[in-house]
Amino acid sequence: MLSKRIIACLDVREGQLAKSVKFVDTRDIGDPIAKAKEYYEDGLDELVFYDITASSDKRDIMLDVVEAVAEQVYIPFSVGGGIRTVEDANKLLWAGAEKINVNSAAVLRPELISECAYAIGNQNVVLSMDIKQVEVSDTIPSGYEVVINGGRTPMGLDALAWALQGEALGAGELVVNSIDADGTKAGYEINLTRMIAEAVSIPVIASGGAGKPEHLLAVLTEGKADAALVASMLHFGEYTVSGLKQWLHEHGVKVRLKYA
């Protein structure tokens, strides 16, 4: 059995680490480069960097911040926000990213996934999905809708159908981010995560809602996620990477311990 991964999420706005609740009330909370280095040195498995206003502002991602983070960490590092073409993806890899995350642009033009997968390899293409629970309907039979542009634009697209399409187009991993749970620290959206994890054969990363170790345990076991994305738990100093991993290890979850 593969080890479960702990992935730190750095949401960056205008060069500063930012945090929101349900994609609103965003505030700056520090230096993303310093945080990346801190988490890496404490045994983090992977790092995700999101330029959270690149898509909504219709601008390119900030390559200088990507380069600065890449100089500090020597673990898998993926970047998302404002990726619209293979050229954008290649620029990020040249800047030091190992993987690219596509989201809004892929919903608007799904062939972007297959183009990037062909150019840089499926294993380097992550499809991030921002998802909101809605009423079950003929259009949204799963009861979960895909929303783009940082949670601003509902698309009338069923999340489960989009996950399956993304896999078919060549995505190597999925980030399943619940807008309803985002930043609440009340726990991941277990039903959503499990539904998608059971339907696809590629790794699923759970995102949105982590507030205590028990939430990670639940989503990695009951939710069948391959990895758990964390943000507030680490950013505000309530928990450490090594501490979370030790706790999960003691509760029967296979993780890569810092000094293992």
C-alpha atoms as a PDB file:
ATOM      1  CA  MET A   1       0.000   0.000   0.000  1.00  0.00           C
ATOM      2  CA  LEU A   2       1.311   3.431  -0.921  1.00  0.00           C
ATOM      3  CA  SER A   3       1.890   5.961   1.827  1.00  0.00           C
ATOM      4  CA  LYS A   4      -0.740   8.650   2.238  1.00  0.00           C
ATOM      5  CA  ARG A   5       0.542  12.143   1.513  1.00  0.00           C
ATOM      6  CA  ILE A   6       0.262  15.405   3.416  1.00  0.00           C
ATOM      7  CA  ILE A   7       0.265  18.348   1.027  1.00  0.00           C
ATOM      8  CA  ALA A   8       0.491  21.976   2.127  1.00  0.00           C
ATOM      9  CA  CYS A   9      -1.498  24.480   0.103  1.00  0.00           C
ATOM     10  CA  LEU A  10      -0.126  27.975  -0.373  1.00  0.00           C
ATOM     11  CA  ASP A  11      -2.790  30.325  -1.725  1.00  0.00           C
ATOM     12  CA  VAL A  12      -0.930  33.385  -2.972  1.00  0.00           C
ATOM     13  CA  ARG A  13      -2.377  36.788  -3.837  1.00  0.00           C
ATOM     14  CA  GLU A  14      -0.120  39.593  -5.061  1.00  0.00           C
ATOM     15  CA  GLY A  15       2.913  37.741  -3.739  1.00  0.00           C
ATOM     16  CA  GLN A  16       1.548  37.214  -0.233  1.00  0.00           C
ATOM     17  CA  LEU A  17       0.237  34.074   1.432  1.00  0.00           C
ATOM     18  CA  ALA A  18      -3.532  34.433   1.742  1.00  0.00           C
ATOM     19  CA  LYS A  19      -6.398  32.543   3.380  1.00  0.00           C
ATOM     20  CA  SER A  20     -10.141  32.731   2.895  1.00  0.00           C
ATOM     21  CA  VAL A  21     -13.279  31.061   4.203  1.00  0.00           C
ATOM     22  CA  LYS A  22     -15.514  29.542   1.512  1.00  0.00           C
ATOM     23  CA  PHE A  23     -13.526  31.563  -1.052  1.00  0.00           C
ATOM     24  CA  VAL A  24     -14.469  34.942   0.485  1.00  0.00           C
ATOM     25  CA  ASP A  25     -13.041  37.221   3.204  1.00  0.00           C
ATOM     26  CA  THR A  26      -9.523  36.642   1.906  1.00  0.00           C
ATOM     27  CA  ARG A  27      -6.727  38.104   4.021  1.00  0.00           C
ATOM     28  CA  ASP A  28      -2.954  38.158   3.787  1.00  0.00           C
ATOM     29  CA  ILE A  29      -1.209  36.056   6.428  1.00  0.00           C
ATOM     30  CA  GLY A  30       2.494  36.024   5.607  1.00  0.00           C
ATOM     31  CA  ASP A  31       5.373  35.137   3.342  1.00  0.00           C
ATOM     32  CA  PRO A  32       4.760  32.056   1.130  1.00  0.00           C
ATOM     33  CA  ILE A  33       8.461  31.467   0.526  1.00  0.00           C
ATOM     34  CA  ALA A  34       9.291  31.281   4.246  1.00  0.00           C
ATOM     35  CA  LYS A  35       6.333  28.974   4.879  1.00  0.00           C
ATOM     36  CA  ALA A  36       7.317  26.674   2.013  1.00  0.00           C
ATOM     37  CA  LYS A  37      10.800  26.284   3.447  1.00  0.00           C
ATOM     38  CA  GLU A  38       9.474  25.708   6.979  1.00  0.00           C
ATOM     39  CA  TYR A  39       7.095  22.947   5.897  1.00  0.00           C
ATOM     40  CA  TYR A  40       9.668  21.283   3.652  1.00  0.00           C
ATOM     41  CA  GLU A  41      12.189  21.114   6.478  1.00  0.00           C
ATOM     42  CA  ASP A  42       9.548  19.562   8.747  1.00  0.00           C
ATOM     43  CA  GLY A  43       8.928  16.606   6.418  1.00  0.00           C
ATOM     44  CA  LEU A  44       6.181  17.779   4.060  1.00  0.00           C
ATOM     45  CA  ASP A  45       5.458  15.346   1.207  1.00  0.00           C
ATOM     46  CA  GLU A  46       4.357  17.845  -1.402  1.00  0.00           C
ATOM     47  CA  LEU A  47       3.592  21.510  -1.899  1.00  0.00           C
ATOM     48  CA  VAL A  48       0.820  23.145  -3.916  1.00  0.00           C
ATOM     49  CA  PHE A  49       0.996  26.800  -4.886  1.00  0.00           C
ATOM     50  CA  TYR A  50      -2.157  28.536  -6.160  1.00  0.00           C
ATOM     51  CA  ASP A  51      -2.114  32.036  -7.595  1.00  0.00           C
ATOM     52  CA  ILE A  52      -5.723  32.531  -6.528  1.00  0.00           C
ATOM     53  CA  THR A  53      -6.554  35.620  -8.616  1.00  0.00           C
ATOM     54  CA  ALA A  54      -4.665  34.817 -11.832  1.00  0.00           C
ATOM     55  CA  SER A  55      -7.719  33.332 -13.564  1.00  0.00           C
ATOM     56  CA  SER A  56     -10.261  35.891 -12.357  1.00  0.00           C
ATOM     57  CA  ASP A  57      -7.862  38.763 -13.168  1.00  0.00           C
ATOM     58  CA  LYS A  58      -7.128  37.167 -16.570  1.00  0.00           C
ATOM     59  CA  ARG A  59      -3.372  37.449 -16.061  1.00  0.00           C
ATOM     60  CA  ASP A  60      -0.367  35.119 -16.069  1.00  0.00           C
ATOM     61  CA  ILE A  61       0.904  33.464 -12.917  1.00  0.00           C
ATOM     62  CA  MET A  62       3.721  35.171 -10.976  1.00  0.00           C
ATOM     63  CA  LEU A  63       6.772  33.231 -12.087  1.00  0.00           C
ATOM     64  CA  ASP A  64       9.140  35.060  -9.755  1.00  0.00           C
ATOM     65  CA  VAL A  65       7.340  33.682  -6.697  1.00  0.00           C
ATOM     66  CA  VAL A  66       7.320  30.191  -8.224  1.00  0.00           C
ATOM     67  CA  GLU A  67      11.075  30.405  -8.821  1.00  0.00           C
ATOM     68  CA  ALA A  68      11.706  31.630  -5.265  1.00  0.00           C
ATOM     69  CA  VAL A  69       9.682  28.774  -3.741  1.00  0.00           C
ATOM     70  CA  ALA A  70      11.342  26.177  -5.994  1.00  0.00           C
ATOM     71  CA  GLU A  71      14.740  27.290  -4.710  1.00  0.00           C
ATOM     72  CA  GLN A  72      13.672  26.460  -1.136  1.00  0.00           C
ATOM     73  CA  VAL A  73      12.030  23.036  -1.495  1.00  0.00           C
ATOM     74  CA  TYR A  74      13.181  19.694  -2.865  1.00  0.00           C
ATOM     75  CA  ILE A  75       9.889  17.838  -2.830  1.00  0.00           C
ATOM     76  CA  PRO A  76       7.176  17.603  -5.504  1.00  0.00           C
ATOM     77  CA  PHE A  77       5.900  21.119  -6.125  1.00  0.00           C
ATOM     78  CA  SER A  78       2.796  21.831  -8.188  1.00  0.00           C
ATOM     79  CA  VAL A  79       1.476  25.198  -9.302  1.00  0.00           C
ATOM     80  CA  GLY A  80      -1.918  26.410 -10.461  1.00  0.00           C
ATOM     81  CA  GLY A  81      -3.693  29.591 -11.436  1.00  0.00           C
ATOM     82  CA  GLY A  82      -3.885  31.214 -14.852  1.00  0.00           C
ATOM     83  CA  ILE A  83      -2.672  28.216 -16.875  1.00  0.00           C
ATOM     84  CA  ARG A  84      -4.375  28.422 -20.261  1.00  0.00           C
ATOM     85  CA  THR A  85      -1.895  26.893 -22.714  1.00  0.00           C
ATOM     86  CA  VAL A  86       0.902  24.352 -22.981  1.00  0.00           C
ATOM     87  CA  GLU A  87       3.279  27.304 -23.135  1.00  0.00           C
ATOM     88  CA  ASP A  88       2.023  28.455 -19.728  1.00  0.00           C
ATOM     89  CA  ALA A  89       2.617  24.957 -18.373  1.00  0.00           C
ATOM     90  CA  ASN A  90       6.138  24.813 -19.758  1.00  0.00           C
ATOM     91  CA  LYS A  91       6.984  28.203 -18.247  1.00  0.00           C
ATOM     92  CA  LEU A  92       6.054  26.855 -14.819  1.00  0.00           C
ATOM     93  CA  LEU A  93       8.178  23.743 -15.249  1.00  0.00           C
ATOM     94  CA  TRP A  94      11.101  25.892 -16.337  1.00  0.00           C
ATOM     95  CA  ALA A  95      10.545  28.062 -13.245  1.00  0.00           C
ATOM     96  CA  GLY A  96      10.924  24.997 -11.023  1.00  0.00           C
ATOM     97  CA  ALA A  97       7.476  23.421 -10.681  1.00  0.00           C
ATOM     98  CA  GLU A  98       7.213  19.653 -11.059  1.00  0.00           C
ATOM     99  CA  LYS A  99       3.471  19.553 -11.775  1.00  0.00           C
ATOM    100  CA  ILE A 100       0.889  21.989 -13.089  1.00  0.00           C
ATOM    101  CA  ASN A 101      -2.677  22.392 -11.837  1.00  0.00           C
ATOM    102  CA  VAL A 102      -5.364  23.303 -14.336  1.00  0.00           C
ATOM    103  CA  ASN A 103      -8.796  24.402 -13.227  1.00  0.00           C
ATOM    104  CA  SER A 104     -10.925  27.180 -14.738  1.00  0.00           C
ATOM    105  CA  ALA A 105      -9.302  27.154 -18.179  1.00  0.00           C
ATOM    106  CA  ALA A 106      -9.724  23.391 -18.433  1.00  0.00           C
ATOM    107  CA  VAL A 107     -13.453  23.639 -17.698  1.00  0.00           C
ATOM    108  CA  LEU A 108     -13.797  26.247 -20.436  1.00  0.00           C
ATOM    109  CA  ARG A 109     -11.607  24.274 -22.868  1.00  0.00           C
ATOM    110  CA  PRO A 110     -11.270  20.619 -21.773  1.00  0.00           C
ATOM    111  CA  GLU A 111      -8.736  19.776 -24.483  1.00  0.00           C
ATOM    112  CA  LEU A 112      -6.210  21.784 -22.455  1.00  0.00           C
ATOM    113  CA  ILE A 113      -5.863  18.706 -20.226  1.00  0.00           C
ATOM    114  CA  SER A 114      -4.954  16.379 -23.082  1.00  0.00           C
ATOM    115  CA  GLU A 115      -2.665  18.968 -24.668  1.00  0.00           C
ATOM    116  CA  CYS A 116      -0.707  19.381 -21.435  1.00  0.00           C
ATOM    117  CA  ALA A 117      -0.657  15.627 -20.770  1.00  0.00           C
ATOM    118  CA  TYR A 118       0.804  15.008 -24.231  1.00  0.00           C
ATOM    119  CA  ALA A 119       3.380  17.785 -23.841  1.00  0.00           C
ATOM    120  CA  ILE A 120       4.614  17.222 -20.278  1.00  0.00           C
ATOM    121  CA  GLY A 121       3.248  13.798 -19.251  1.00  0.00           C
ATOM    122  CA  ASN A 122       0.056  12.704 -17.487  1.00  0.00           C
ATOM    123  CA  GLN A 123       1.885  12.406 -14.163  1.00  0.00           C
ATOM    124  CA  ASN A 124       2.632  16.131 -14.255  1.00  0.00           C
ATOM    125  CA  VAL A 125      -0.931  17.285 -14.952  1.00  0.00           C
ATOM    126  CA  VAL A 126      -3.281  17.792 -11.998  1.00  0.00           C
ATOM    127  CA  LEU A 127      -6.930  18.688 -12.506  1.00  0.00           C
ATOM    128  CA  SER A 128      -8.132  20.880  -9.637  1.00  0.00           C
ATOM    129  CA  MET A 129     -11.866  21.033  -9.132  1.00  0.00           C
ATOM    130  CA  ASP A 130     -13.676  23.640  -7.023  1.00  0.00           C
ATOM    131  CA  ILE A 131     -17.008  22.120  -6.095  1.00  0.00           C
ATOM    132  CA  LYS A 132     -20.177  23.329  -4.384  1.00  0.00           C
ATOM    133  CA  GLN A 133     -23.078  21.218  -3.167  1.00  0.00           C
ATOM    134  CA  VAL A 134     -26.377  22.003  -4.913  1.00  0.00           C
ATOM    135  CA  GLU A 135     -29.799  20.462  -5.367  1.00  0.00           C
ATOM    136  CA  VAL A 136     -29.807  17.209  -7.309  1.00  0.00           C
ATOM    137  CA  SER A 137     -31.103  17.796 -10.830  1.00  0.00           C
ATOM    138  CA  ASP A 138     -30.985  16.319 -14.316  1.00  0.00           C
ATOM    139  CA  THR A 139     -27.999  18.589 -15.022  1.00  0.00           C
ATOM    140  CA  ILE A 140     -26.255  17.892 -11.692  1.00  0.00           C
ATOM    141  CA  PRO A 141     -27.237  14.314 -10.798  1.00  0.00           C
ATOM    142  CA  SER A 142     -24.495  13.958  -8.176  1.00  0.00           C
ATOM    143  CA  GLY A 143     -25.649  17.062  -6.310  1.00  0.00           C
ATOM    144  CA  TYR A 144     -22.191  18.637  -6.667  1.00  0.00           C
ATOM    145  CA  GLU A 145     -21.475  21.406  -9.184  1.00  0.00           C
ATOM    146  CA  VAL A 146     -18.164  22.625 -10.593  1.00  0.00           C
ATOM    147  CA  VAL A 147     -17.479  26.343  -9.990  1.00  0.00           C
ATOM    148  CA  ILE A 148     -14.639  28.289 -11.616  1.00  0.00           C
ATOM    149  CA  ASN A 149     -12.808  31.621 -11.314  1.00  0.00           C
ATOM    150  CA  GLY A 150     -12.048  31.223  -7.627  1.00  0.00           C
ATOM    151  CA  GLY A 151     -15.559  30.165  -6.698  1.00  0.00           C
ATOM    152  CA  ARG A 152     -17.214  33.031  -8.545  1.00  0.00           C
ATOM    153  CA  THR A 153     -18.801  31.295 -11.543  1.00  0.00           C
ATOM    154  CA  PRO A 154     -21.053  28.196 -11.331  1.00  0.00           C
ATOM    155  CA  MET A 155     -20.847  26.175 -14.531  1.00  0.00           C
ATOM    156  CA  GLY A 156     -23.837  23.850 -14.493  1.00  0.00           C
ATOM    157  CA  LEU A 157     -21.324  20.987 -14.734  1.00  0.00           C
ATOM    158  CA  ASP A 158     -21.653  17.858 -12.629  1.00  0.00           C
ATOM    159  CA  ALA A 159     -18.532  17.277 -10.519  1.00  0.00           C
ATOM    160  CA  LEU A 160     -18.504  13.486 -10.874  1.00  0.00           C
ATOM    161  CA  ALA A 161     -18.936  13.677 -14.635  1.00  0.00           C
ATOM    162  CA  TRP A 162     -16.131  16.240 -14.850  1.00  0.00           C
ATOM    163  CA  ALA A 163     -13.795  14.098 -12.740  1.00  0.00           C
ATOM    164  CA  LEU A 164     -14.341  11.130 -15.056  1.00  0.00           C
ATOM    165  CA  GLN A 165     -13.871  13.296 -18.141  1.00  0.00           C
ATOM    166  CA  GLY A 166     -10.704  14.810 -16.704  1.00  0.00           C
ATOM    167  CA  GLU A 167      -9.245  11.367 -16.111  1.00  0.00           C
ATOM    168  CA  ALA A 168     -10.169  10.281 -19.638  1.00  0.00           C
ATOM    169  CA  LEU A 169      -8.489  13.379 -21.079  1.00  0.00           C
ATOM    170  CA  GLY A 170      -5.213  12.550 -19.340  1.00  0.00           C
ATOM    171  CA  ALA A 171      -5.121  14.149 -15.903  1.00  0.00           C
ATOM    172  CA  GLY A 172      -2.779  12.236 -13.609  1.00  0.00           C
ATOM    173  CA  GLU A 173      -4.318  13.415 -10.325  1.00  0.00           C
ATOM    174  CA  LEU A 174      -7.438  15.190  -9.099  1.00  0.00           C
ATOM    175  CA  VAL A 175      -7.724  17.832  -6.400  1.00  0.00           C
ATOM    176  CA  VAL A 176     -11.263  17.707  -5.009  1.00  0.00           C
ATOM    177  CA  ASN A 177     -11.853  21.009  -3.242  1.00  0.00           C
ATOM    178  CA  SER A 178     -15.126  21.611  -1.422  1.00  0.00           C
ATOM    179  CA  ILE A 179     -16.052  25.289  -1.461  1.00  0.00           C
ATOM    180  CA  ASP A 180     -18.599  24.628   1.301  1.00  0.00           C
ATOM    181  CA  ALA A 181     -15.867  23.277   3.594  1.00  0.00           C
ATOM    182  CA  ASP A 182     -13.040  25.597   2.497  1.00  0.00           C
ATOM    183  CA  GLY A 183     -11.417  27.433   5.391  1.00  0.00           C
ATOM    184  CA  THR A 184     -14.105  26.362   7.887  1.00  0.00           C
ATOM    185  CA  LYS A 185     -11.806  23.924   9.747  1.00  0.00           C
ATOM    186  CA  ALA A 186     -14.929  21.792  10.295  1.00  0.00           C
ATOM    187  CA  GLY A 187     -13.725  18.769   8.322  1.00  0.00           C
ATOM    188  CA  TYR A 188     -13.413  17.635   4.727  1.00  0.00           C
ATOM    189  CA  GLU A 189     -16.442  16.848   2.570  1.00  0.00           C
ATOM    190  CA  ILE A 190     -16.188  13.086   3.019  1.00  0.00           C
ATOM    191  CA  ASN A 191     -19.093  12.055   0.790  1.00  0.00           C
ATOM    192  CA  LEU A 192     -17.849  14.122  -2.146  1.00  0.00           C
ATOM    193  CA  THR A 193     -14.286  12.874  -1.808  1.00  0.00           C
ATOM    194  CA  ARG A 194     -15.289   9.226  -1.503  1.00  0.00           C
ATOM    195  CA  MET A 195     -17.718   9.442  -4.433  1.00  0.00           C
ATOM    196  CA  ILE A 196     -14.991  10.687  -6.764  1.00  0.00           C
ATOM    197  CA  ALA A 197     -12.224   8.465  -5.339  1.00  0.00           C
ATOM    198  CA  GLU A 198     -14.357   5.377  -5.918  1.00  0.00           C
ATOM    199  CA  ALA A 199     -15.169   6.417  -9.484  1.00  0.00           C
ATOM    200  CA  VAL A 200     -11.661   7.160 -10.816  1.00  0.00           C
ATOM    201  CA  SER A 201      -8.435   5.179 -10.932  1.00  0.00           C
ATOM    202  CA  ILE A 202      -6.041   8.110 -10.482  1.00  0.00           C
ATOM    203  CA  PRO A 203      -4.988   9.610  -7.115  1.00  0.00           C
ATOM    204  CA  VAL A 204      -7.462  11.932  -5.414  1.00  0.00           C
ATOM    205  CA  ILE A 205      -6.300  14.784  -3.187  1.00  0.00           C
ATOM    206  CA  ALA A 206      -8.895  15.974  -0.656  1.00  0.00           C
ATOM    207  CA  SER A 207      -9.062  19.723  -0.111  1.00  0.00           C
ATOM    208  CA  GLY A 208     -11.087  22.101   2.023  1.00  0.00           C
ATOM    209  CA  GLY A 209     -12.026  21.930   5.688  1.00  0.00           C
ATOM    210  CA  ALA A 210      -9.060  20.495   7.587  1.00  0.00           C
ATOM    211  CA  GLY A 211      -9.058  21.694  11.190  1.00  0.00           C
ATOM    212  CA  LYS A 212      -7.731  18.851  13.341  1.00  0.00           C
ATOM    213  CA  PRO A 213      -5.913  15.536  12.877  1.00  0.00           C
ATOM    214  CA  GLU A 214      -9.154  13.560  13.065  1.00  0.00           C
ATOM    215  CA  HIS A 215     -10.302  15.267   9.864  1.00  0.00           C
ATOM    216  CA  LEU A 216      -7.253  13.984   7.995  1.00  0.00           C
ATOM    217  CA  LEU A 217      -7.775  10.496   9.382  1.00  0.00           C
ATOM    218  CA  ALA A 218     -11.402  10.502   8.230  1.00  0.00           C
ATOM    219  CA  VAL A 219     -10.757  11.661   4.686  1.00  0.00           C
ATOM    220  CA  LEU A 220      -7.766   9.348   4.171  1.00  0.00           C
ATOM    221  CA  THR A 221      -9.711   6.316   5.406  1.00  0.00           C
ATOM    222  CA  GLU A 222     -13.480   6.818   5.074  1.00  0.00           C
ATOM    223  CA  GLY A 223     -13.061   9.307   2.226  1.00  0.00           C
ATOM    224  CA  LYS A 224     -10.566   7.052   0.417  1.00  0.00           C
ATOM    225  CA  ALA A 225      -8.357  10.010  -0.520  1.00  0.00           C
ATOM    226  CA  ASP A 226      -4.738   9.364  -1.474  1.00  0.00           C
ATOM    227  CA  ALA A 227      -3.603  12.662   0.005  1.00  0.00           C
ATOM    228  CA  ALA A 228      -4.908  15.439   2.244  1.00  0.00           C
ATOM    229  CA  LEU A 229      -4.373  19.099   1.479  1.00  0.00           C
ATOM    230  CA  VAL A 230      -3.894  21.305   4.548  1.00  0.00           C
ATOM    231  CA  ALA A 231      -3.577  25.060   4.917  1.00  0.00           C
ATOM    232  CA  SER A 232      -4.934  26.859   7.992  1.00  0.00           C
ATOM    233  CA  MET A 233      -3.842  24.080  10.346  1.00  0.00           C
ATOM    234  CA  LEU A 234      -0.223  24.793   9.415  1.00  0.00           C
ATOM    235  CA  HIS A 235      -0.316  28.476   8.488  1.00  0.00           C
ATOM    236  CA  PHE A 236      -1.555  29.610  11.903  1.00  0.00           C
ATOM    237  CA  GLY A 237       0.858  27.403  13.823  1.00  0.00           C
ATOM    238  CA  GLU A 238      -1.724  25.153  15.435  1.00  0.00           C
ATOM    239  CA  TYR A 239      -0.100  21.977  14.084  1.00  0.00           C
ATOM    240  CA  THR A 240       3.143  20.936  12.433  1.00  0.00           C
ATOM    241  CA  VAL A 241       3.715  18.619   9.475  1.00  0.00           C
ATOM    242  CA  SER A 242       5.770  16.187  11.543  1.00  0.00           C
ATOM    243  CA  GLY A 243       3.219  16.239  14.348  1.00  0.00           C
ATOM    244  CA  LEU A 244       0.323  15.460  12.011  1.00  0.00           C
ATOM    245  CA  LYS A 245       2.243  12.614  10.403  1.00  0.00           C
ATOM    246  CA  GLN A 246       3.186  11.113  13.754  1.00  0.00           C
ATOM    247  CA  TRP A 247      -0.447  11.271  14.898  1.00  0.00           C
ATOM    248  CA  LEU A 248      -1.672   9.591  11.695  1.00  0.00           C
ATOM    249  CA  HIS A 249       1.010   6.922  12.017  1.00  0.00           C
ATOM    250  CA  GLU A 250      -0.095   6.186  15.575  1.00  0.00           C
ATOM    251  CA  HIS A 251      -3.676   5.819  14.305  1.00  0.00           C
ATOM    252  CA  GLY A 252      -2.817   3.261  11.656  1.00  0.00           C
ATOM    253  CA  VAL A 253      -2.317   5.409   8.555  1.00  0.00           C
ATOM    254  CA  LYS A 254       0.763   4.654   6.481  1.00  0.00           C
ATOM    255  CA  VAL A 255       2.733   7.894   6.054  1.00  0.00           C
ATOM    256  CA  ARG A 256       6.341   8.759   5.349  1.00  0.00           C
ATOM    257  CA  LEU A 257       7.747   9.852   8.695  1.00  0.00           C
ATOM    258  CA  LYS A 258      10.385  12.557   8.774  1.00  0.00           C
ATOM    259  CA  TYR A 259      13.241  10.325   9.928  1.00  0.00           C
ATOM    260  CA  ALA A 260      11.965   7.023   8.549  1.00  0.00           C
END
